[in-house]
Amino acid sequence: METAPVEPLERAPSVETICEGLFDLVDDERITLMGLLVETHAKLTRILSAALEETCGLPLSWFDVLIRLGRNPDRRLTMSQLAAQVSLTTGGVTRLVDRIAEAGYVERQNCPSDRRSVYVALTAAGSEKLHEATAAHLEDLERHLLEPLDADERVALAGALRKLRGEWGQATRA
């Protein structure tokens, strides 16, 4: 039985060869801008969440649900509308709504025209809590988001974020 000649193994490239140009890639403006967005979002979320919990005993995720319900003229949204607006799965928003409903701030309402749909509606207690939390949250937003920026920077930031959000963000009214 004859064996085929064995080809010599090629040497693996050196670490220097593999990493050549890597710094230029990771220092790319696109990566830097995305990193700044993510880091700023995380920092603001951490600060604003802690302040809201301390002041009102309300988690930021709950406030997000209450504010979206409060902005709607009927003070209610379907579970799927709410899930889309708070960027959660329907399962995730169901668990979140369960906890907020236990506190008495929202309630589920059946949809008379579609038995498959369920509304999440703001209760009177939820409206009161929203009013309290909004006043506190506005002060924190002023301190942590607006004060560091001058008027021109605020306008530029809002314009840039709206432009980046594009069409897909129009329905959420964030």
N, C-alpha and C. Protein backbone atom coordinates (compact mmCIF):
# COMPACT_ATOMS: atom_id res chain seq x y z
N MET A 1 0.84 -1.16 0.00
CA MET A 1 0.00 0.00 0.00
C MET A 1 0.88 1.23 0.00
N GLU A 2 0.66 2.04 -1.00
CA GLU A 2 1.46 3.24 -1.11
C GLU A 2 0.78 4.38 -0.38
N THR A 3 1.58 5.22 0.23
CA THR A 3 1.04 6.40 0.89
C THR A 3 1.39 7.63 0.07
N ALA A 4 0.49 8.56 0.09
CA ALA A 4 0.72 9.80 -0.65
C ALA A 4 1.78 10.61 0.07
N PRO A 5 2.57 11.32 -0.69
CA PRO A 5 3.59 12.15 -0.03
C PRO A 5 2.92 13.18 0.86
N VAL A 6 3.54 13.42 1.96
CA VAL A 6 3.02 14.38 2.94
C VAL A 6 3.51 15.77 2.56
N GLU A 7 2.56 16.67 2.43
CA GLU A 7 2.91 18.06 2.13
C GLU A 7 3.43 18.70 3.41
N PRO A 8 4.42 19.54 3.29
CA PRO A 8 4.88 20.23 4.50
C PRO A 8 3.79 21.18 4.99
N LEU A 9 3.64 21.24 6.29
CA LEU A 9 2.65 22.13 6.89
C LEU A 9 3.10 23.57 6.74
N GLU A 10 2.13 24.39 6.42
CA GLU A 10 2.46 25.82 6.37
C GLU A 10 2.51 26.33 7.79
N ARG A 11 3.42 27.24 8.01
CA ARG A 11 3.51 27.84 9.34
C ARG A 11 2.33 28.77 9.55
N ALA A 12 1.80 28.72 10.71
CA ALA A 12 0.72 29.64 11.05
C ALA A 12 1.28 31.06 11.06
N PRO A 13 0.47 32.02 10.66
CA PRO A 13 0.96 33.40 10.68
C PRO A 13 1.26 33.84 12.10
N SER A 14 2.19 34.70 12.23
CA SER A 14 2.58 35.20 13.55
C SER A 14 1.49 36.13 14.09
N VAL A 15 1.51 36.33 15.39
CA VAL A 15 0.57 37.24 16.03
C VAL A 15 0.71 38.64 15.41
N GLU A 16 1.93 39.04 15.15
CA GLU A 16 2.16 40.36 14.56
C GLU A 16 1.48 40.47 13.20
N THR A 17 1.56 39.39 12.42
CA THR A 17 0.93 39.40 11.10
C THR A 17 -0.59 39.45 11.23
N ILE A 18 -1.12 38.67 12.16
CA ILE A 18 -2.57 38.64 12.36
C ILE A 18 -3.07 40.01 12.82
N CYS A 19 -2.34 40.63 13.72
CA CYS A 19 -2.77 41.89 14.32
C CYS A 19 -2.41 43.11 13.48
N GLU A 20 -1.68 42.89 12.40
CA GLU A 20 -1.28 44.00 11.55
C GLU A 20 -2.53 44.71 11.04
N GLY A 21 -2.62 45.95 11.29
CA GLY A 21 -3.78 46.73 10.85
C GLY A 21 -4.96 46.66 11.79
N LEU A 22 -4.88 45.81 12.82
CA LEU A 22 -6.01 45.69 13.75
C LEU A 22 -6.28 46.99 14.48
N PHE A 23 -5.23 47.68 14.92
CA PHE A 23 -5.43 48.93 15.63
C PHE A 23 -6.20 49.92 14.78
N ASP A 24 -5.87 49.97 13.49
CA ASP A 24 -6.59 50.89 12.60
C ASP A 24 -8.07 50.53 12.53
N LEU A 25 -8.39 49.24 12.58
CA LEU A 25 -9.79 48.82 12.54
C LEU A 25 -10.52 49.17 13.83
N VAL A 26 -9.93 48.85 14.97
CA VAL A 26 -10.63 49.09 16.24
C VAL A 26 -10.67 50.56 16.61
N ASP A 27 -9.80 51.37 15.98
CA ASP A 27 -9.80 52.80 16.23
C ASP A 27 -10.64 53.54 15.19
N ASP A 28 -11.40 52.81 14.43
CA ASP A 28 -12.24 53.37 13.38
C ASP A 28 -13.30 54.30 13.97
N GLU A 29 -13.58 55.39 13.32
CA GLU A 29 -14.55 56.38 13.77
C GLU A 29 -15.93 55.77 14.01
N ARG A 30 -16.32 54.83 13.19
CA ARG A 30 -17.63 54.20 13.33
C ARG A 30 -17.73 53.44 14.65
N ILE A 31 -16.68 52.70 14.98
CA ILE A 31 -16.66 51.96 16.24
C ILE A 31 -16.63 52.91 17.42
N THR A 32 -15.84 53.99 17.29
CA THR A 32 -15.75 54.98 18.37
C THR A 32 -17.11 55.63 18.62
N LEU A 33 -17.80 56.05 17.56
CA LEU A 33 -19.11 56.70 17.72
C LEU A 33 -20.13 55.75 18.35
N MET A 34 -20.14 54.51 17.91
CA MET A 34 -21.07 53.55 18.49
C MET A 34 -20.74 53.31 19.96
N GLY A 35 -19.46 53.20 20.27
CA GLY A 35 -19.05 53.02 21.66
C GLY A 35 -19.47 54.19 22.53
N LEU A 36 -19.32 55.40 22.01
CA LEU A 36 -19.74 56.59 22.77
C LEU A 36 -21.25 56.59 23.02
N LEU A 37 -22.01 56.20 22.01
CA LEU A 37 -23.47 56.12 22.18
C LEU A 37 -23.84 55.09 23.26
N VAL A 38 -23.24 53.92 23.17
CA VAL A 38 -23.55 52.85 24.12
C VAL A 38 -23.12 53.24 25.53
N GLU A 39 -21.91 53.79 25.67
CA GLU A 39 -21.42 54.18 27.00
C GLU A 39 -22.27 55.30 27.60
N THR A 40 -22.65 56.29 26.80
CA THR A 40 -23.47 57.40 27.29
C THR A 40 -24.84 56.90 27.69
N HIS A 41 -25.44 56.04 26.88
CA HIS A 41 -26.74 55.47 27.22
C HIS A 41 -26.66 54.71 28.54
N ALA A 42 -25.64 53.88 28.68
CA ALA A 42 -25.49 53.08 29.90
C ALA A 42 -25.31 53.97 31.13
N LYS A 43 -24.49 55.00 31.00
CA LYS A 43 -24.24 55.90 32.13
C LYS A 43 -25.52 56.65 32.52
N LEU A 44 -26.20 57.23 31.53
CA LEU A 44 -27.43 57.96 31.83
C LEU A 44 -28.50 57.04 32.41
N THR A 45 -28.62 55.85 31.86
CA THR A 45 -29.61 54.89 32.37
C THR A 45 -29.32 54.54 33.81
N ARG A 46 -28.06 54.29 34.12
CA ARG A 46 -27.67 53.94 35.49
C ARG A 46 -27.99 55.09 36.46
N ILE A 47 -27.59 56.30 36.11
CA ILE A 47 -27.80 57.47 36.96
C ILE A 47 -29.28 57.79 37.13
N LEU A 48 -30.00 57.84 36.01
CA LEU A 48 -31.42 58.20 36.06
C LEU A 48 -32.25 57.14 36.75
N SER A 49 -31.90 55.89 36.55
CA SER A 49 -32.61 54.79 37.19
C SER A 49 -32.45 54.84 38.70
N ALA A 50 -31.22 55.03 39.16
CA ALA A 50 -30.96 55.10 40.61
C ALA A 50 -31.69 56.29 41.23
N ALA A 51 -31.67 57.43 40.55
CA ALA A 51 -32.33 58.62 41.08
C ALA A 51 -33.84 58.43 41.16
N LEU A 52 -34.44 57.84 40.15
CA LEU A 52 -35.89 57.62 40.13
C LEU A 52 -36.31 56.62 41.21
N GLU A 53 -35.53 55.58 41.38
CA GLU A 53 -35.82 54.59 42.43
C GLU A 53 -35.73 55.24 43.81
N GLU A 54 -34.69 56.05 44.01
CA GLU A 54 -34.49 56.68 45.30
C GLU A 54 -35.59 57.71 45.59
N THR A 55 -35.94 58.50 44.61
CA THR A 55 -36.91 59.57 44.80
C THR A 55 -38.35 59.06 44.87
N CYS A 56 -38.70 58.15 43.97
CA CYS A 56 -40.10 57.73 43.82
C CYS A 56 -40.34 56.26 44.08
N GLY A 57 -39.29 55.49 44.28
CA GLY A 57 -39.47 54.05 44.44
C GLY A 57 -39.94 53.38 43.16
N LEU A 58 -39.62 53.97 42.02
CA LEU A 58 -40.11 53.48 40.74
C LEU A 58 -38.93 53.10 39.85
N PRO A 59 -38.84 51.85 39.42
CA PRO A 59 -37.78 51.48 38.47
C PRO A 59 -37.96 52.22 37.15
N LEU A 60 -36.86 52.52 36.49
CA LEU A 60 -36.90 53.24 35.22
C LEU A 60 -37.71 52.48 34.18
N SER A 61 -37.63 51.16 34.18
CA SER A 61 -38.40 50.37 33.20
C SER A 61 -39.90 50.53 33.43
N TRP A 62 -40.31 50.69 34.69
CA TRP A 62 -41.72 50.93 34.98
C TRP A 62 -42.12 52.32 34.50
N PHE A 63 -41.26 53.29 34.77
CA PHE A 63 -41.53 54.66 34.34
C PHE A 63 -41.69 54.70 32.83
N ASP A 64 -40.85 53.97 32.11
CA ASP A 64 -40.93 53.92 30.65
C ASP A 64 -42.31 53.44 30.20
N VAL A 65 -42.84 52.42 30.86
CA VAL A 65 -44.17 51.92 30.52
C VAL A 65 -45.22 52.98 30.86
N LEU A 66 -45.15 53.54 32.05
CA LEU A 66 -46.15 54.53 32.47
C LEU A 66 -46.15 55.75 31.57
N ILE A 67 -44.97 56.23 31.19
CA ILE A 67 -44.89 57.43 30.35
C ILE A 67 -45.47 57.16 28.97
N ARG A 68 -45.26 55.97 28.44
CA ARG A 68 -45.80 55.65 27.11
C ARG A 68 -47.32 55.50 27.15
N LEU A 69 -47.83 54.95 28.23
CA LEU A 69 -49.29 54.88 28.39
C LEU A 69 -49.86 56.29 28.59
N GLY A 70 -49.18 57.08 29.40
CA GLY A 70 -49.65 58.44 29.67
C GLY A 70 -49.64 59.34 28.46
N ARG A 71 -48.77 59.09 27.50
CA ARG A 71 -48.70 59.89 26.27
C ARG A 71 -49.81 59.55 25.30
N ASN A 72 -50.38 58.38 25.43
CA ASN A 72 -51.43 57.94 24.52
C ASN A 72 -52.74 58.60 24.93
N PRO A 73 -53.49 59.16 23.98
CA PRO A 73 -54.75 59.83 24.35
C PRO A 73 -55.72 58.95 25.13
N ASP A 74 -55.74 57.65 24.86
CA ASP A 74 -56.64 56.73 25.58
C ASP A 74 -56.02 56.21 26.87
N ARG A 75 -54.75 56.57 27.11
CA ARG A 75 -54.00 56.11 28.29
C ARG A 75 -53.87 54.59 28.32
N ARG A 76 -53.84 54.00 27.12
CA ARG A 76 -53.67 52.55 27.02
C ARG A 76 -53.05 52.20 25.69
N LEU A 77 -52.42 51.03 25.65
CA LEU A 77 -51.82 50.47 24.45
C LEU A 77 -52.04 48.96 24.47
N THR A 78 -52.01 48.34 23.30
CA THR A 78 -52.05 46.88 23.31
C THR A 78 -50.69 46.39 23.79
N MET A 79 -50.66 45.16 24.24
CA MET A 79 -49.40 44.57 24.71
C MET A 79 -48.36 44.61 23.60
N SER A 80 -48.75 44.32 22.36
CA SER A 80 -47.77 44.31 21.27
C SER A 80 -47.28 45.72 20.96
N GLN A 81 -48.15 46.72 21.02
CA GLN A 81 -47.71 48.11 20.81
C GLN A 81 -46.72 48.51 21.91
N LEU A 82 -47.05 48.16 23.13
CA LEU A 82 -46.18 48.50 24.25
C LEU A 82 -44.83 47.79 24.13
N ALA A 83 -44.85 46.52 23.75
CA ALA A 83 -43.61 45.77 23.59
C ALA A 83 -42.71 46.42 22.54
N ALA A 84 -43.30 46.87 21.43
CA ALA A 84 -42.52 47.52 20.38
C ALA A 84 -41.92 48.84 20.88
N GLN A 85 -42.67 49.57 21.67
CA GLN A 85 -42.21 50.88 22.12
C GLN A 85 -41.14 50.79 23.21
N VAL A 86 -41.20 49.78 24.05
CA VAL A 86 -40.19 49.67 25.10
C VAL A 86 -39.09 48.68 24.74
N SER A 87 -39.09 48.22 23.51
CA SER A 87 -38.04 47.34 22.98
C SER A 87 -37.88 46.06 23.78
N LEU A 88 -38.99 45.43 24.10
CA LEU A 88 -38.98 44.13 24.76
C LEU A 88 -39.76 43.15 23.91
N THR A 89 -39.54 41.87 24.16
CA THR A 89 -40.38 40.86 23.53
C THR A 89 -41.75 40.92 24.18
N THR A 90 -42.73 40.31 23.55
CA THR A 90 -44.06 40.29 24.17
C THR A 90 -44.02 39.55 25.50
N GLY A 91 -43.21 38.51 25.59
CA GLY A 91 -43.05 37.80 26.86
C GLY A 91 -42.42 38.68 27.93
N GLY A 92 -41.41 39.45 27.53
CA GLY A 92 -40.74 40.35 28.47
C GLY A 92 -41.67 41.44 28.96
N VAL A 93 -42.48 41.98 28.05
CA VAL A 93 -43.40 43.05 28.46
C VAL A 93 -44.53 42.47 29.32
N THR A 94 -44.91 41.24 29.06
CA THR A 94 -45.94 40.60 29.89
C THR A 94 -45.47 40.49 31.34
N ARG A 95 -44.24 40.04 31.54
CA ARG A 95 -43.70 39.93 32.91
C ARG A 95 -43.57 41.30 33.56
N LEU A 96 -43.13 42.29 32.78
CA LEU A 96 -43.00 43.65 33.31
C LEU A 96 -44.36 44.21 33.70
N VAL A 97 -45.35 44.04 32.85
CA VAL A 97 -46.71 44.52 33.13
C VAL A 97 -47.29 43.79 34.35
N ASP A 98 -47.00 42.51 34.50
CA ASP A 98 -47.47 41.77 35.68
C ASP A 98 -47.00 42.45 36.96
N ARG A 99 -45.73 42.84 37.01
CA ARG A 99 -45.18 43.48 38.21
C ARG A 99 -45.78 44.86 38.43
N ILE A 100 -45.97 45.62 37.35
CA ILE A 100 -46.54 46.97 37.49
C ILE A 100 -48.01 46.87 37.88
N ALA A 101 -48.71 45.88 37.37
CA ALA A 101 -50.13 45.68 37.72
C ALA A 101 -50.26 45.29 39.19
N GLU A 102 -49.34 44.47 39.69
CA GLU A 102 -49.36 44.11 41.12
C GLU A 102 -49.26 45.34 42.01
N ALA A 103 -48.52 46.35 41.56
CA ALA A 103 -48.38 47.60 42.31
C ALA A 103 -49.61 48.49 42.15
N GLY A 104 -50.50 48.15 41.22
CA GLY A 104 -51.73 48.91 41.02
C GLY A 104 -51.62 50.08 40.06
N TYR A 105 -50.53 50.16 39.30
CA TYR A 105 -50.32 51.30 38.41
C TYR A 105 -50.90 51.10 37.02
N VAL A 106 -51.10 49.85 36.61
CA VAL A 106 -51.72 49.54 35.32
C VAL A 106 -52.71 48.40 35.52
N GLU A 107 -53.57 48.24 34.53
CA GLU A 107 -54.49 47.10 34.53
C GLU A 107 -54.65 46.61 33.10
N ARG A 108 -54.99 45.35 33.00
CA ARG A 108 -55.27 44.78 31.68
C ARG A 108 -56.74 44.97 31.37
N GLN A 109 -57.00 45.27 30.09
CA GLN A 109 -58.38 45.41 29.62
C GLN A 109 -58.53 44.60 28.34
N ASN A 110 -59.61 43.87 28.24
CA ASN A 110 -59.86 43.11 27.02
C ASN A 110 -60.25 44.06 25.91
N CYS A 111 -59.86 43.72 24.70
CA CYS A 111 -60.23 44.50 23.52
C CYS A 111 -61.58 43.99 23.03
N PRO A 112 -62.59 44.86 22.99
CA PRO A 112 -63.93 44.40 22.59
C PRO A 112 -64.00 43.94 21.13
N SER A 113 -63.15 44.48 20.25
CA SER A 113 -63.24 44.12 18.84
C SER A 113 -62.31 42.98 18.44
N ASP A 114 -61.37 42.62 19.32
CA ASP A 114 -60.42 41.54 18.99
C ASP A 114 -60.06 40.81 20.28
N ARG A 115 -60.64 39.63 20.46
CA ARG A 115 -60.44 38.88 21.71
C ARG A 115 -58.99 38.45 21.91
N ARG A 116 -58.19 38.48 20.83
CA ARG A 116 -56.79 38.10 20.96
C ARG A 116 -55.94 39.22 21.55
N SER A 117 -56.44 40.45 21.47
CA SER A 117 -55.68 41.61 21.95
C SER A 117 -56.06 41.96 23.38
N VAL A 118 -55.06 42.40 24.11
CA VAL A 118 -55.26 42.86 25.48
C VAL A 118 -54.61 44.23 25.59
N TYR A 119 -55.34 45.16 26.17
CA TYR A 119 -54.80 46.49 26.41
C TYR A 119 -54.12 46.52 27.78
N VAL A 120 -53.11 47.37 27.90
CA VAL A 120 -52.54 47.73 29.18
C VAL A 120 -52.95 49.18 29.38
N ALA A 121 -53.65 49.45 30.48
CA ALA A 121 -54.19 50.80 30.72
C ALA A 121 -53.64 51.36 32.03
N LEU A 122 -53.43 52.64 32.03
CA LEU A 122 -52.97 53.37 33.20
C LEU A 122 -54.13 53.49 34.18
N THR A 123 -53.89 53.18 35.45
CA THR A 123 -54.91 53.35 36.49
C THR A 123 -54.78 54.74 37.10
N ALA A 124 -55.72 55.11 37.97
CA ALA A 124 -55.64 56.39 38.67
C ALA A 124 -54.36 56.45 39.52
N ALA A 125 -54.05 55.35 40.19
CA ALA A 125 -52.81 55.30 40.98
C ALA A 125 -51.59 55.42 40.08
N GLY A 126 -51.66 54.83 38.90
CA GLY A 126 -50.57 54.93 37.94
C GLY A 126 -50.39 56.35 37.43
N SER A 127 -51.50 57.05 37.22
CA SER A 127 -51.43 58.45 36.79
C SER A 127 -50.79 59.32 37.86
N GLU A 128 -51.15 59.08 39.12
CA GLU A 128 -50.56 59.83 40.23
C GLU A 128 -49.06 59.55 40.33
N LYS A 129 -48.68 58.30 40.23
CA LYS A 129 -47.27 57.93 40.30
C LYS A 129 -46.50 58.50 39.12
N LEU A 130 -47.12 58.50 37.95
CA LEU A 130 -46.49 59.07 36.76
C LEU A 130 -46.25 60.56 36.96
N HIS A 131 -47.21 61.25 37.51
CA HIS A 131 -47.07 62.69 37.75
C HIS A 131 -45.91 62.95 38.71
N GLU A 132 -45.87 62.22 39.81
CA GLU A 132 -44.79 62.35 40.80
C GLU A 132 -43.43 62.04 40.16
N ALA A 133 -43.36 60.93 39.45
CA ALA A 133 -42.09 60.49 38.87
C ALA A 133 -41.62 61.42 37.75
N THR A 134 -42.56 61.96 36.97
CA THR A 134 -42.18 62.84 35.88
C THR A 134 -41.53 64.11 36.41
N ALA A 135 -42.10 64.67 37.46
CA ALA A 135 -41.51 65.88 38.05
C ALA A 135 -40.07 65.62 38.51
N ALA A 136 -39.86 64.51 39.19
CA ALA A 136 -38.51 64.16 39.66
C ALA A 136 -37.58 63.85 38.48
N HIS A 137 -38.09 63.13 37.51
CA HIS A 137 -37.28 62.73 36.36
C HIS A 137 -36.84 63.94 35.55
N LEU A 138 -37.73 64.93 35.40
CA LEU A 138 -37.38 66.13 34.65
C LEU A 138 -36.22 66.87 35.31
N GLU A 139 -36.22 66.92 36.62
CA GLU A 139 -35.10 67.55 37.34
C GLU A 139 -33.80 66.80 37.07
N ASP A 140 -33.87 65.48 37.11
CA ASP A 140 -32.67 64.66 36.87
C ASP A 140 -32.19 64.78 35.42
N LEU A 141 -33.14 64.84 34.48
CA LEU A 141 -32.76 65.03 33.08
C LEU A 141 -32.08 66.38 32.88
N GLU A 142 -32.61 67.39 33.52
CA GLU A 142 -32.00 68.72 33.44
C GLU A 142 -30.56 68.66 33.93
N ARG A 143 -30.36 68.04 35.08
CA ARG A 143 -29.04 67.99 35.71
C ARG A 143 -28.04 67.14 34.91
N HIS A 144 -28.47 65.99 34.46
CA HIS A 144 -27.52 65.04 33.88
C HIS A 144 -27.45 65.04 32.34
N LEU A 145 -28.50 65.52 31.69
CA LEU A 145 -28.52 65.49 30.23
C LEU A 145 -28.40 66.88 29.62
N LEU A 146 -29.12 67.85 30.18
CA LEU A 146 -29.15 69.17 29.56
C LEU A 146 -28.08 70.13 30.07
N GLU A 147 -27.85 70.18 31.38
CA GLU A 147 -26.87 71.14 31.92
C GLU A 147 -25.48 71.00 31.30
N PRO A 148 -24.99 69.80 31.02
CA PRO A 148 -23.66 69.72 30.41
C PRO A 148 -23.58 70.27 28.99
N LEU A 149 -24.72 70.50 28.35
CA LEU A 149 -24.75 70.95 26.95
C LEU A 149 -25.27 72.38 26.86
N ASP A 150 -24.71 73.15 25.93
CA ASP A 150 -25.28 74.48 25.70
C ASP A 150 -26.46 74.32 24.72
N ALA A 151 -27.16 75.42 24.46
CA ALA A 151 -28.37 75.37 23.63
C ALA A 151 -28.09 74.82 22.23
N ASP A 152 -27.00 75.25 21.62
CA ASP A 152 -26.67 74.77 20.28
C ASP A 152 -26.37 73.27 20.27
N GLU A 153 -25.68 72.81 21.30
CA GLU A 153 -25.36 71.37 21.39
C GLU A 153 -26.63 70.54 21.59
N ARG A 154 -27.57 71.06 22.35
CA ARG A 154 -28.85 70.35 22.55
C ARG A 154 -29.59 70.19 21.23
N VAL A 155 -29.66 71.28 20.48
CA VAL A 155 -30.34 71.25 19.18
C VAL A 155 -29.64 70.28 18.24
N ALA A 156 -28.31 70.35 18.22
CA ALA A 156 -27.54 69.46 17.34
C ALA A 156 -27.72 67.99 17.74
N LEU A 157 -27.69 67.71 19.05
CA LEU A 157 -27.86 66.34 19.52
C LEU A 157 -29.25 65.81 19.15
N ALA A 158 -30.27 66.61 19.41
CA ALA A 158 -31.64 66.18 19.07
C ALA A 158 -31.77 65.92 17.57
N GLY A 159 -31.20 66.80 16.77
CA GLY A 159 -31.26 66.63 15.32
C GLY A 159 -30.54 65.37 14.86
N ALA A 160 -29.35 65.15 15.41
CA ALA A 160 -28.58 63.97 15.03
C ALA A 160 -29.29 62.69 15.45
N LEU A 161 -29.84 62.66 16.65
CA LEU A 161 -30.53 61.45 17.11
C LEU A 161 -31.79 61.18 16.30
N ARG A 162 -32.53 62.23 15.97
CA ARG A 162 -33.72 62.04 15.14
C ARG A 162 -33.33 61.51 13.75
N LYS A 163 -32.26 62.06 13.22
CA LYS A 163 -31.80 61.63 11.90
C LYS A 163 -31.39 60.16 11.94
N LEU A 164 -30.65 59.76 12.97
CA LEU A 164 -30.22 58.37 13.09
C LEU A 164 -31.39 57.43 13.33
N ARG A 165 -32.34 57.89 14.12
CA ARG A 165 -33.51 57.06 14.41
C ARG A 165 -34.28 56.78 13.14
N GLY A 166 -34.41 57.78 12.29
CA GLY A 166 -35.05 57.60 10.99
C GLY A 166 -36.51 57.21 11.09
N GLU A 167 -36.99 56.67 10.03
CA GLU A 167 -38.42 56.33 9.91
C GLU A 167 -38.89 55.31 10.94
N TRP A 168 -38.04 54.34 11.29
CA TRP A 168 -38.50 53.28 12.18
C TRP A 168 -38.85 53.80 13.56
N GLY A 169 -38.42 54.98 13.92
CA GLY A 169 -38.70 55.51 15.25
C GLY A 169 -39.90 56.41 15.32
N GLN A 170 -40.55 56.69 14.21
CA GLN A 170 -41.64 57.66 14.21
C GLN A 170 -42.83 57.22 15.07
N ALA A 171 -43.15 55.96 15.08
CA ALA A 171 -44.33 55.49 15.80
C ALA A 171 -44.13 55.45 17.31
N THR A 172 -42.89 55.42 17.78
CA THR A 172 -42.68 55.25 19.22
C THR A 172 -42.72 56.55 19.98
N ARG A 173 -42.56 57.66 19.31
CA ARG A 173 -42.62 58.98 19.94
C ARG A 173 -41.73 59.08 21.16
N ALA A 174 -40.51 58.63 21.05
CA ALA A 174 -39.57 58.68 22.18
C ALA A 174 -39.05 60.07 22.40
